[in-house]
Amino acid sequence: MDCPDLAMGRHTRHAHLTDEEFCEVAAANVEALNLALRLANVPPERVRYHVCWGNYAGPHHHDVPLADVIDIVLTCKPKFISIEACNPGHAHEWEVFSGVKMPEGKVLMPGVI
């Protein structure tokens, strides 16, 4: 499942919202995804969930920090989570995981370019 909106949507589609309002939208989207996967009886180990800040020519100076959305990301049903952070503005995002406990059954799937 490709979900760049979960991070990138903060400064694109939802730029008019407060950070708190954006997190509410993101959480509702993850809830809808989880419901759809549950209703379709898709096992978590069959889904890879990709979150990123988008690939575009502009600067990433309005991106939401991973720390602000990681708790929401980790509520997704898929077992495998890929968080792409290949631009310099996100090179440090791996540090978030030093203070975040991965839920049981979740696997962080690093991407490589």
N, C-alpha and C. Protein backbone atom coordinates (compact mmCIF):
# COMPACT_ATOMS: atom_id res chain seq x y z
N MET A 1 0.85 -1.15 0.00
CA MET A 1 0.00 0.00 0.00
C MET A 1 0.90 1.22 0.00
N ASP A 2 0.68 2.09 -0.93
CA ASP A 2 1.47 3.31 -1.04
C ASP A 2 0.72 4.45 -0.37
N CYS A 3 1.31 5.04 0.64
CA CYS A 3 0.61 6.08 1.39
C CYS A 3 1.51 7.30 1.65
N PRO A 4 1.96 7.97 0.58
CA PRO A 4 2.78 9.16 0.82
C PRO A 4 2.00 10.27 1.48
N ASP A 5 0.68 10.27 1.35
CA ASP A 5 -0.13 11.34 1.94
C ASP A 5 -0.01 11.41 3.46
N LEU A 6 0.28 10.29 4.09
CA LEU A 6 0.32 10.28 5.55
C LEU A 6 1.36 11.26 6.08
N ALA A 7 2.45 11.44 5.37
CA ALA A 7 3.45 12.43 5.77
C ALA A 7 3.38 13.66 4.86
N MET A 8 3.40 13.43 3.55
CA MET A 8 3.43 14.54 2.59
C MET A 8 2.15 15.37 2.62
N GLY A 9 1.05 14.77 2.95
CA GLY A 9 -0.23 15.49 2.95
C GLY A 9 -0.29 16.66 3.91
N ARG A 10 0.63 16.69 4.87
CA ARG A 10 0.63 17.78 5.85
C ARG A 10 0.84 19.14 5.18
N HIS A 11 1.72 19.20 4.21
CA HIS A 11 2.02 20.49 3.57
C HIS A 11 1.44 20.63 2.17
N THR A 12 0.66 19.64 1.73
CA THR A 12 0.02 19.75 0.43
C THR A 12 -1.49 19.86 0.64
N ARG A 13 -2.17 18.77 0.63
CA ARG A 13 -3.63 18.76 0.72
C ARG A 13 -4.17 19.34 2.03
N HIS A 14 -3.41 19.20 3.11
CA HIS A 14 -3.90 19.62 4.43
C HIS A 14 -3.10 20.78 5.02
N ALA A 15 -2.53 21.62 4.18
CA ALA A 15 -1.72 22.75 4.65
C ALA A 15 -2.53 23.75 5.47
N HIS A 16 -3.82 23.79 5.26
CA HIS A 16 -4.67 24.74 5.97
C HIS A 16 -5.03 24.29 7.39
N LEU A 17 -4.71 23.06 7.74
CA LEU A 17 -5.05 22.52 9.06
C LEU A 17 -3.94 22.78 10.08
N THR A 18 -4.30 22.74 11.34
CA THR A 18 -3.29 22.77 12.39
C THR A 18 -2.62 21.39 12.43
N ASP A 19 -1.51 21.30 13.13
CA ASP A 19 -0.84 20.00 13.27
C ASP A 19 -1.78 18.98 13.92
N GLU A 20 -2.50 19.41 14.94
CA GLU A 20 -3.43 18.51 15.63
C GLU A 20 -4.54 18.04 14.67
N GLU A 21 -5.09 18.95 13.89
CA GLU A 21 -6.14 18.58 12.94
C GLU A 21 -5.60 17.63 11.87
N PHE A 22 -4.38 17.88 11.41
CA PHE A 22 -3.78 16.98 10.43
C PHE A 22 -3.62 15.58 11.01
N CYS A 23 -3.16 15.49 12.25
CA CYS A 23 -2.99 14.18 12.88
C CYS A 23 -4.33 13.46 13.03
N GLU A 24 -5.39 14.20 13.27
CA GLU A 24 -6.73 13.59 13.34
C GLU A 24 -7.13 13.02 11.98
N VAL A 25 -6.84 13.75 10.91
CA VAL A 25 -7.14 13.26 9.56
C VAL A 25 -6.30 12.02 9.26
N ALA A 26 -5.01 12.08 9.57
CA ALA A 26 -4.13 10.94 9.33
C ALA A 26 -4.60 9.71 10.09
N ALA A 27 -4.98 9.89 11.35
CA ALA A 27 -5.46 8.77 12.16
C ALA A 27 -6.75 8.19 11.58
N ALA A 28 -7.64 9.04 11.11
CA ALA A 28 -8.89 8.57 10.49
C ALA A 28 -8.60 7.79 9.22
N ASN A 29 -7.60 8.22 8.45
CA ASN A 29 -7.24 7.51 7.22
C ASN A 29 -6.67 6.13 7.53
N VAL A 30 -5.83 6.04 8.55
CA VAL A 30 -5.28 4.75 8.95
C VAL A 30 -6.40 3.84 9.47
N GLU A 31 -7.33 4.42 10.22
CA GLU A 31 -8.48 3.65 10.71
C GLU A 31 -9.30 3.09 9.54
N ALA A 32 -9.51 3.90 8.51
CA ALA A 32 -10.26 3.44 7.33
C ALA A 32 -9.50 2.33 6.60
N LEU A 33 -8.19 2.49 6.48
CA LEU A 33 -7.37 1.45 5.86
C LEU A 33 -7.47 0.15 6.65
N ASN A 34 -7.33 0.25 7.96
CA ASN A 34 -7.42 -0.95 8.80
C ASN A 34 -8.77 -1.64 8.66
N LEU A 35 -9.84 -0.86 8.62
CA LEU A 35 -11.17 -1.43 8.46
C LEU A 35 -11.31 -2.13 7.11
N ALA A 36 -10.84 -1.50 6.07
CA ALA A 36 -10.92 -2.11 4.73
C ALA A 36 -10.14 -3.42 4.67
N LEU A 37 -8.95 -3.44 5.26
CA LEU A 37 -8.15 -4.67 5.26
C LEU A 37 -8.82 -5.76 6.09
N ARG A 38 -9.41 -5.36 7.21
CA ARG A 38 -10.10 -6.34 8.07
C ARG A 38 -11.34 -6.90 7.37
N LEU A 39 -12.14 -6.02 6.75
CA LEU A 39 -13.34 -6.49 6.05
C LEU A 39 -13.02 -7.38 4.87
N ALA A 40 -11.88 -7.12 4.22
CA ALA A 40 -11.46 -7.95 3.09
C ALA A 40 -10.69 -9.18 3.56
N ASN A 41 -10.53 -9.31 4.88
CA ASN A 41 -9.84 -10.45 5.48
C ASN A 41 -8.41 -10.61 4.94
N VAL A 42 -7.71 -9.49 4.82
CA VAL A 42 -6.32 -9.52 4.35
C VAL A 42 -5.41 -9.64 5.57
N PRO A 43 -4.61 -10.70 5.64
CA PRO A 43 -3.72 -10.87 6.79
C PRO A 43 -2.62 -9.80 6.81
N PRO A 44 -2.24 -9.32 7.98
CA PRO A 44 -1.21 -8.26 8.08
C PRO A 44 0.10 -8.61 7.39
N GLU A 45 0.48 -9.87 7.40
CA GLU A 45 1.76 -10.26 6.80
C GLU A 45 1.74 -10.22 5.26
N ARG A 46 0.58 -10.00 4.68
CA ARG A 46 0.46 -9.91 3.22
C ARG A 46 0.54 -8.47 2.71
N VAL A 47 0.73 -7.50 3.63
CA VAL A 47 0.68 -6.10 3.23
C VAL A 47 1.97 -5.38 3.61
N ARG A 48 2.48 -4.61 2.67
CA ARG A 48 3.61 -3.71 2.91
C ARG A 48 3.05 -2.29 2.84
N TYR A 49 3.40 -1.47 3.81
CA TYR A 49 2.83 -0.14 3.95
C TYR A 49 3.95 0.89 3.78
N HIS A 50 3.87 1.69 2.74
CA HIS A 50 4.91 2.66 2.41
C HIS A 50 4.48 4.07 2.78
N VAL A 51 5.28 4.75 3.60
CA VAL A 51 5.02 6.12 4.01
C VAL A 51 6.23 6.96 3.60
N CYS A 52 5.97 8.13 3.00
CA CYS A 52 7.08 9.01 2.63
C CYS A 52 6.62 10.45 2.56
N TRP A 53 7.53 11.30 2.19
CA TRP A 53 7.25 12.73 2.08
C TRP A 53 7.18 13.17 0.62
N GLY A 54 7.08 12.24 -0.29
CA GLY A 54 6.91 12.55 -1.70
C GLY A 54 8.22 12.80 -2.42
N ASN A 55 8.14 12.67 -3.72
CA ASN A 55 9.29 12.87 -4.58
C ASN A 55 8.95 13.99 -5.55
N TYR A 56 9.46 15.15 -5.28
CA TYR A 56 9.20 16.30 -6.14
C TYR A 56 10.41 17.22 -6.10
N ALA A 57 10.49 18.12 -7.04
CA ALA A 57 11.68 18.96 -7.22
C ALA A 57 11.81 20.07 -6.17
N GLY A 58 10.78 20.38 -5.43
CA GLY A 58 10.83 21.47 -4.46
C GLY A 58 11.50 21.09 -3.16
N PRO A 59 11.75 22.09 -2.30
CA PRO A 59 12.35 21.81 -0.99
C PRO A 59 11.35 21.11 -0.08
N HIS A 60 11.86 20.45 0.90
CA HIS A 60 11.02 19.73 1.87
C HIS A 60 11.03 20.45 3.20
N HIS A 61 10.95 21.74 3.18
CA HIS A 61 11.07 22.53 4.40
C HIS A 61 9.76 22.66 5.19
N HIS A 62 8.67 22.14 4.68
CA HIS A 62 7.40 22.16 5.42
C HIS A 62 6.93 20.74 5.78
N ASP A 63 7.79 19.76 5.61
CA ASP A 63 7.41 18.38 5.91
C ASP A 63 7.15 18.20 7.40
N VAL A 64 6.18 17.35 7.70
CA VAL A 64 5.89 17.00 9.09
C VAL A 64 7.00 16.05 9.56
N PRO A 65 7.53 16.27 10.74
CA PRO A 65 8.55 15.35 11.26
C PRO A 65 7.95 13.96 11.52
N LEU A 66 8.74 12.93 11.29
CA LEU A 66 8.28 11.57 11.55
C LEU A 66 7.82 11.42 13.00
N ALA A 67 8.50 12.07 13.92
CA ALA A 67 8.13 11.97 15.34
C ALA A 67 6.69 12.40 15.58
N ASP A 68 6.17 13.30 14.75
CA ASP A 68 4.80 13.79 14.93
C ASP A 68 3.74 12.80 14.45
N VAL A 69 4.12 11.87 13.58
CA VAL A 69 3.13 10.94 13.02
C VAL A 69 3.45 9.47 13.27
N ILE A 70 4.59 9.17 13.89
CA ILE A 70 5.00 7.77 14.03
C ILE A 70 3.98 6.95 14.82
N ASP A 71 3.38 7.53 15.85
CA ASP A 71 2.38 6.78 16.62
C ASP A 71 1.18 6.40 15.75
N ILE A 72 0.82 7.28 14.83
CA ILE A 72 -0.29 7.01 13.92
C ILE A 72 0.12 5.93 12.92
N VAL A 73 1.31 6.07 12.36
CA VAL A 73 1.82 5.08 11.38
C VAL A 73 1.82 3.68 11.99
N LEU A 74 2.24 3.58 13.23
CA LEU A 74 2.37 2.26 13.86
C LEU A 74 1.04 1.63 14.23
N THR A 75 -0.08 2.35 14.07
CA THR A 75 -1.39 1.74 14.31
C THR A 75 -1.94 1.04 13.06
N CYS A 76 -1.23 1.14 11.95
CA CYS A 76 -1.72 0.50 10.72
C CYS A 76 -1.68 -1.02 10.87
N LYS A 77 -2.60 -1.69 10.20
CA LYS A 77 -2.71 -3.14 10.28
C LYS A 77 -1.55 -3.87 9.60
N PRO A 78 -1.01 -3.39 8.47
CA PRO A 78 0.06 -4.14 7.82
C PRO A 78 1.23 -4.45 8.74
N LYS A 79 1.80 -5.62 8.56
CA LYS A 79 2.94 -6.06 9.37
C LYS A 79 4.20 -5.31 8.98
N PHE A 80 4.38 -5.06 7.68
CA PHE A 80 5.62 -4.46 7.18
C PHE A 80 5.42 -2.98 6.88
N ILE A 81 6.28 -2.14 7.45
CA ILE A 81 6.18 -0.70 7.28
C ILE A 81 7.48 -0.18 6.68
N SER A 82 7.35 0.51 5.56
CA SER A 82 8.50 1.11 4.89
C SER A 82 8.39 2.62 5.01
N ILE A 83 9.40 3.24 5.63
CA ILE A 83 9.40 4.69 5.77
C ILE A 83 10.59 5.22 4.99
N GLU A 84 10.28 5.88 3.89
CA GLU A 84 11.32 6.40 3.02
C GLU A 84 11.76 7.78 3.51
N ALA A 85 13.06 7.92 3.67
CA ALA A 85 13.60 9.19 4.15
C ALA A 85 14.92 9.47 3.43
N CYS A 86 14.88 9.50 2.11
CA CYS A 86 16.11 9.58 1.34
C CYS A 86 16.54 11.01 1.00
N ASN A 87 15.79 12.02 1.42
CA ASN A 87 16.26 13.37 1.15
C ASN A 87 16.93 13.91 2.41
N PRO A 88 17.82 14.89 2.26
CA PRO A 88 18.58 15.39 3.41
C PRO A 88 17.71 15.89 4.57
N GLY A 89 16.53 16.37 4.29
CA GLY A 89 15.66 16.84 5.34
C GLY A 89 15.15 15.74 6.25
N HIS A 90 15.30 14.49 5.82
CA HIS A 90 14.82 13.36 6.61
C HIS A 90 15.91 12.35 6.93
N ALA A 91 17.14 12.70 6.66
CA ALA A 91 18.25 11.78 6.89
C ALA A 91 18.38 11.37 8.37
N HIS A 92 17.88 12.20 9.25
CA HIS A 92 17.97 11.94 10.69
C HIS A 92 16.76 11.18 11.24
N GLU A 93 15.76 10.95 10.45
CA GLU A 93 14.49 10.39 10.95
C GLU A 93 14.65 9.02 11.61
N TRP A 94 15.70 8.29 11.26
CA TRP A 94 15.91 6.97 11.88
C TRP A 94 16.07 7.09 13.40
N GLU A 95 16.51 8.28 13.86
CA GLU A 95 16.71 8.49 15.29
C GLU A 95 15.41 8.37 16.09
N VAL A 96 14.29 8.58 15.41
CA VAL A 96 12.99 8.47 16.08
C VAL A 96 12.84 7.09 16.71
N PHE A 97 13.40 6.08 16.09
CA PHE A 97 13.20 4.71 16.56
C PHE A 97 14.01 4.38 17.81
N SER A 98 14.91 5.27 18.21
CA SER A 98 15.62 5.02 19.47
C SER A 98 14.68 5.23 20.66
N GLY A 99 13.59 5.98 20.45
CA GLY A 99 12.64 6.23 21.52
C GLY A 99 11.27 5.65 21.28
N VAL A 100 11.12 4.88 20.21
CA VAL A 100 9.82 4.31 19.85
C VAL A 100 9.91 2.79 19.93
N LYS A 101 8.98 2.21 20.65
CA LYS A 101 8.92 0.75 20.71
C LYS A 101 8.02 0.26 19.60
N MET A 102 8.58 -0.59 18.76
CA MET A 102 7.78 -1.18 17.68
C MET A 102 6.75 -2.12 18.29
N PRO A 103 5.51 -2.00 17.86
CA PRO A 103 4.49 -2.94 18.35
C PRO A 103 4.84 -4.37 17.97
N GLU A 104 4.44 -5.28 18.81
CA GLU A 104 4.69 -6.69 18.53
C GLU A 104 4.06 -7.06 17.18
N GLY A 105 4.82 -7.78 16.36
CA GLY A 105 4.31 -8.23 15.07
C GLY A 105 4.58 -7.26 13.93
N LYS A 106 5.13 -6.09 14.21
CA LYS A 106 5.45 -5.11 13.16
C LYS A 106 6.91 -5.26 12.77
N VAL A 107 7.19 -5.04 11.49
CA VAL A 107 8.54 -5.10 10.98
C VAL A 107 8.82 -3.82 10.22
N LEU A 108 9.88 -3.14 10.59
CA LEU A 108 10.30 -1.94 9.86
C LEU A 108 11.10 -2.41 8.67
N MET A 109 10.66 -2.03 7.50
CA MET A 109 11.26 -2.49 6.24
C MET A 109 12.01 -1.32 5.61
N PRO A 110 13.34 -1.22 5.86
CA PRO A 110 14.07 -0.08 5.31
C PRO A 110 14.14 -0.13 3.79
N GLY A 111 14.09 1.03 3.20
CA GLY A 111 14.22 1.13 1.74
C GLY A 111 15.65 1.50 1.39
N VAL A 112 16.07 1.09 0.23
CA VAL A 112 17.42 1.39 -0.24
C VAL A 112 17.34 1.89 -1.66
N ILE A 113 18.07 2.96 -1.93
CA ILE A 113 18.09 3.50 -3.30
C ILE A 113 19.40 3.10 -3.94
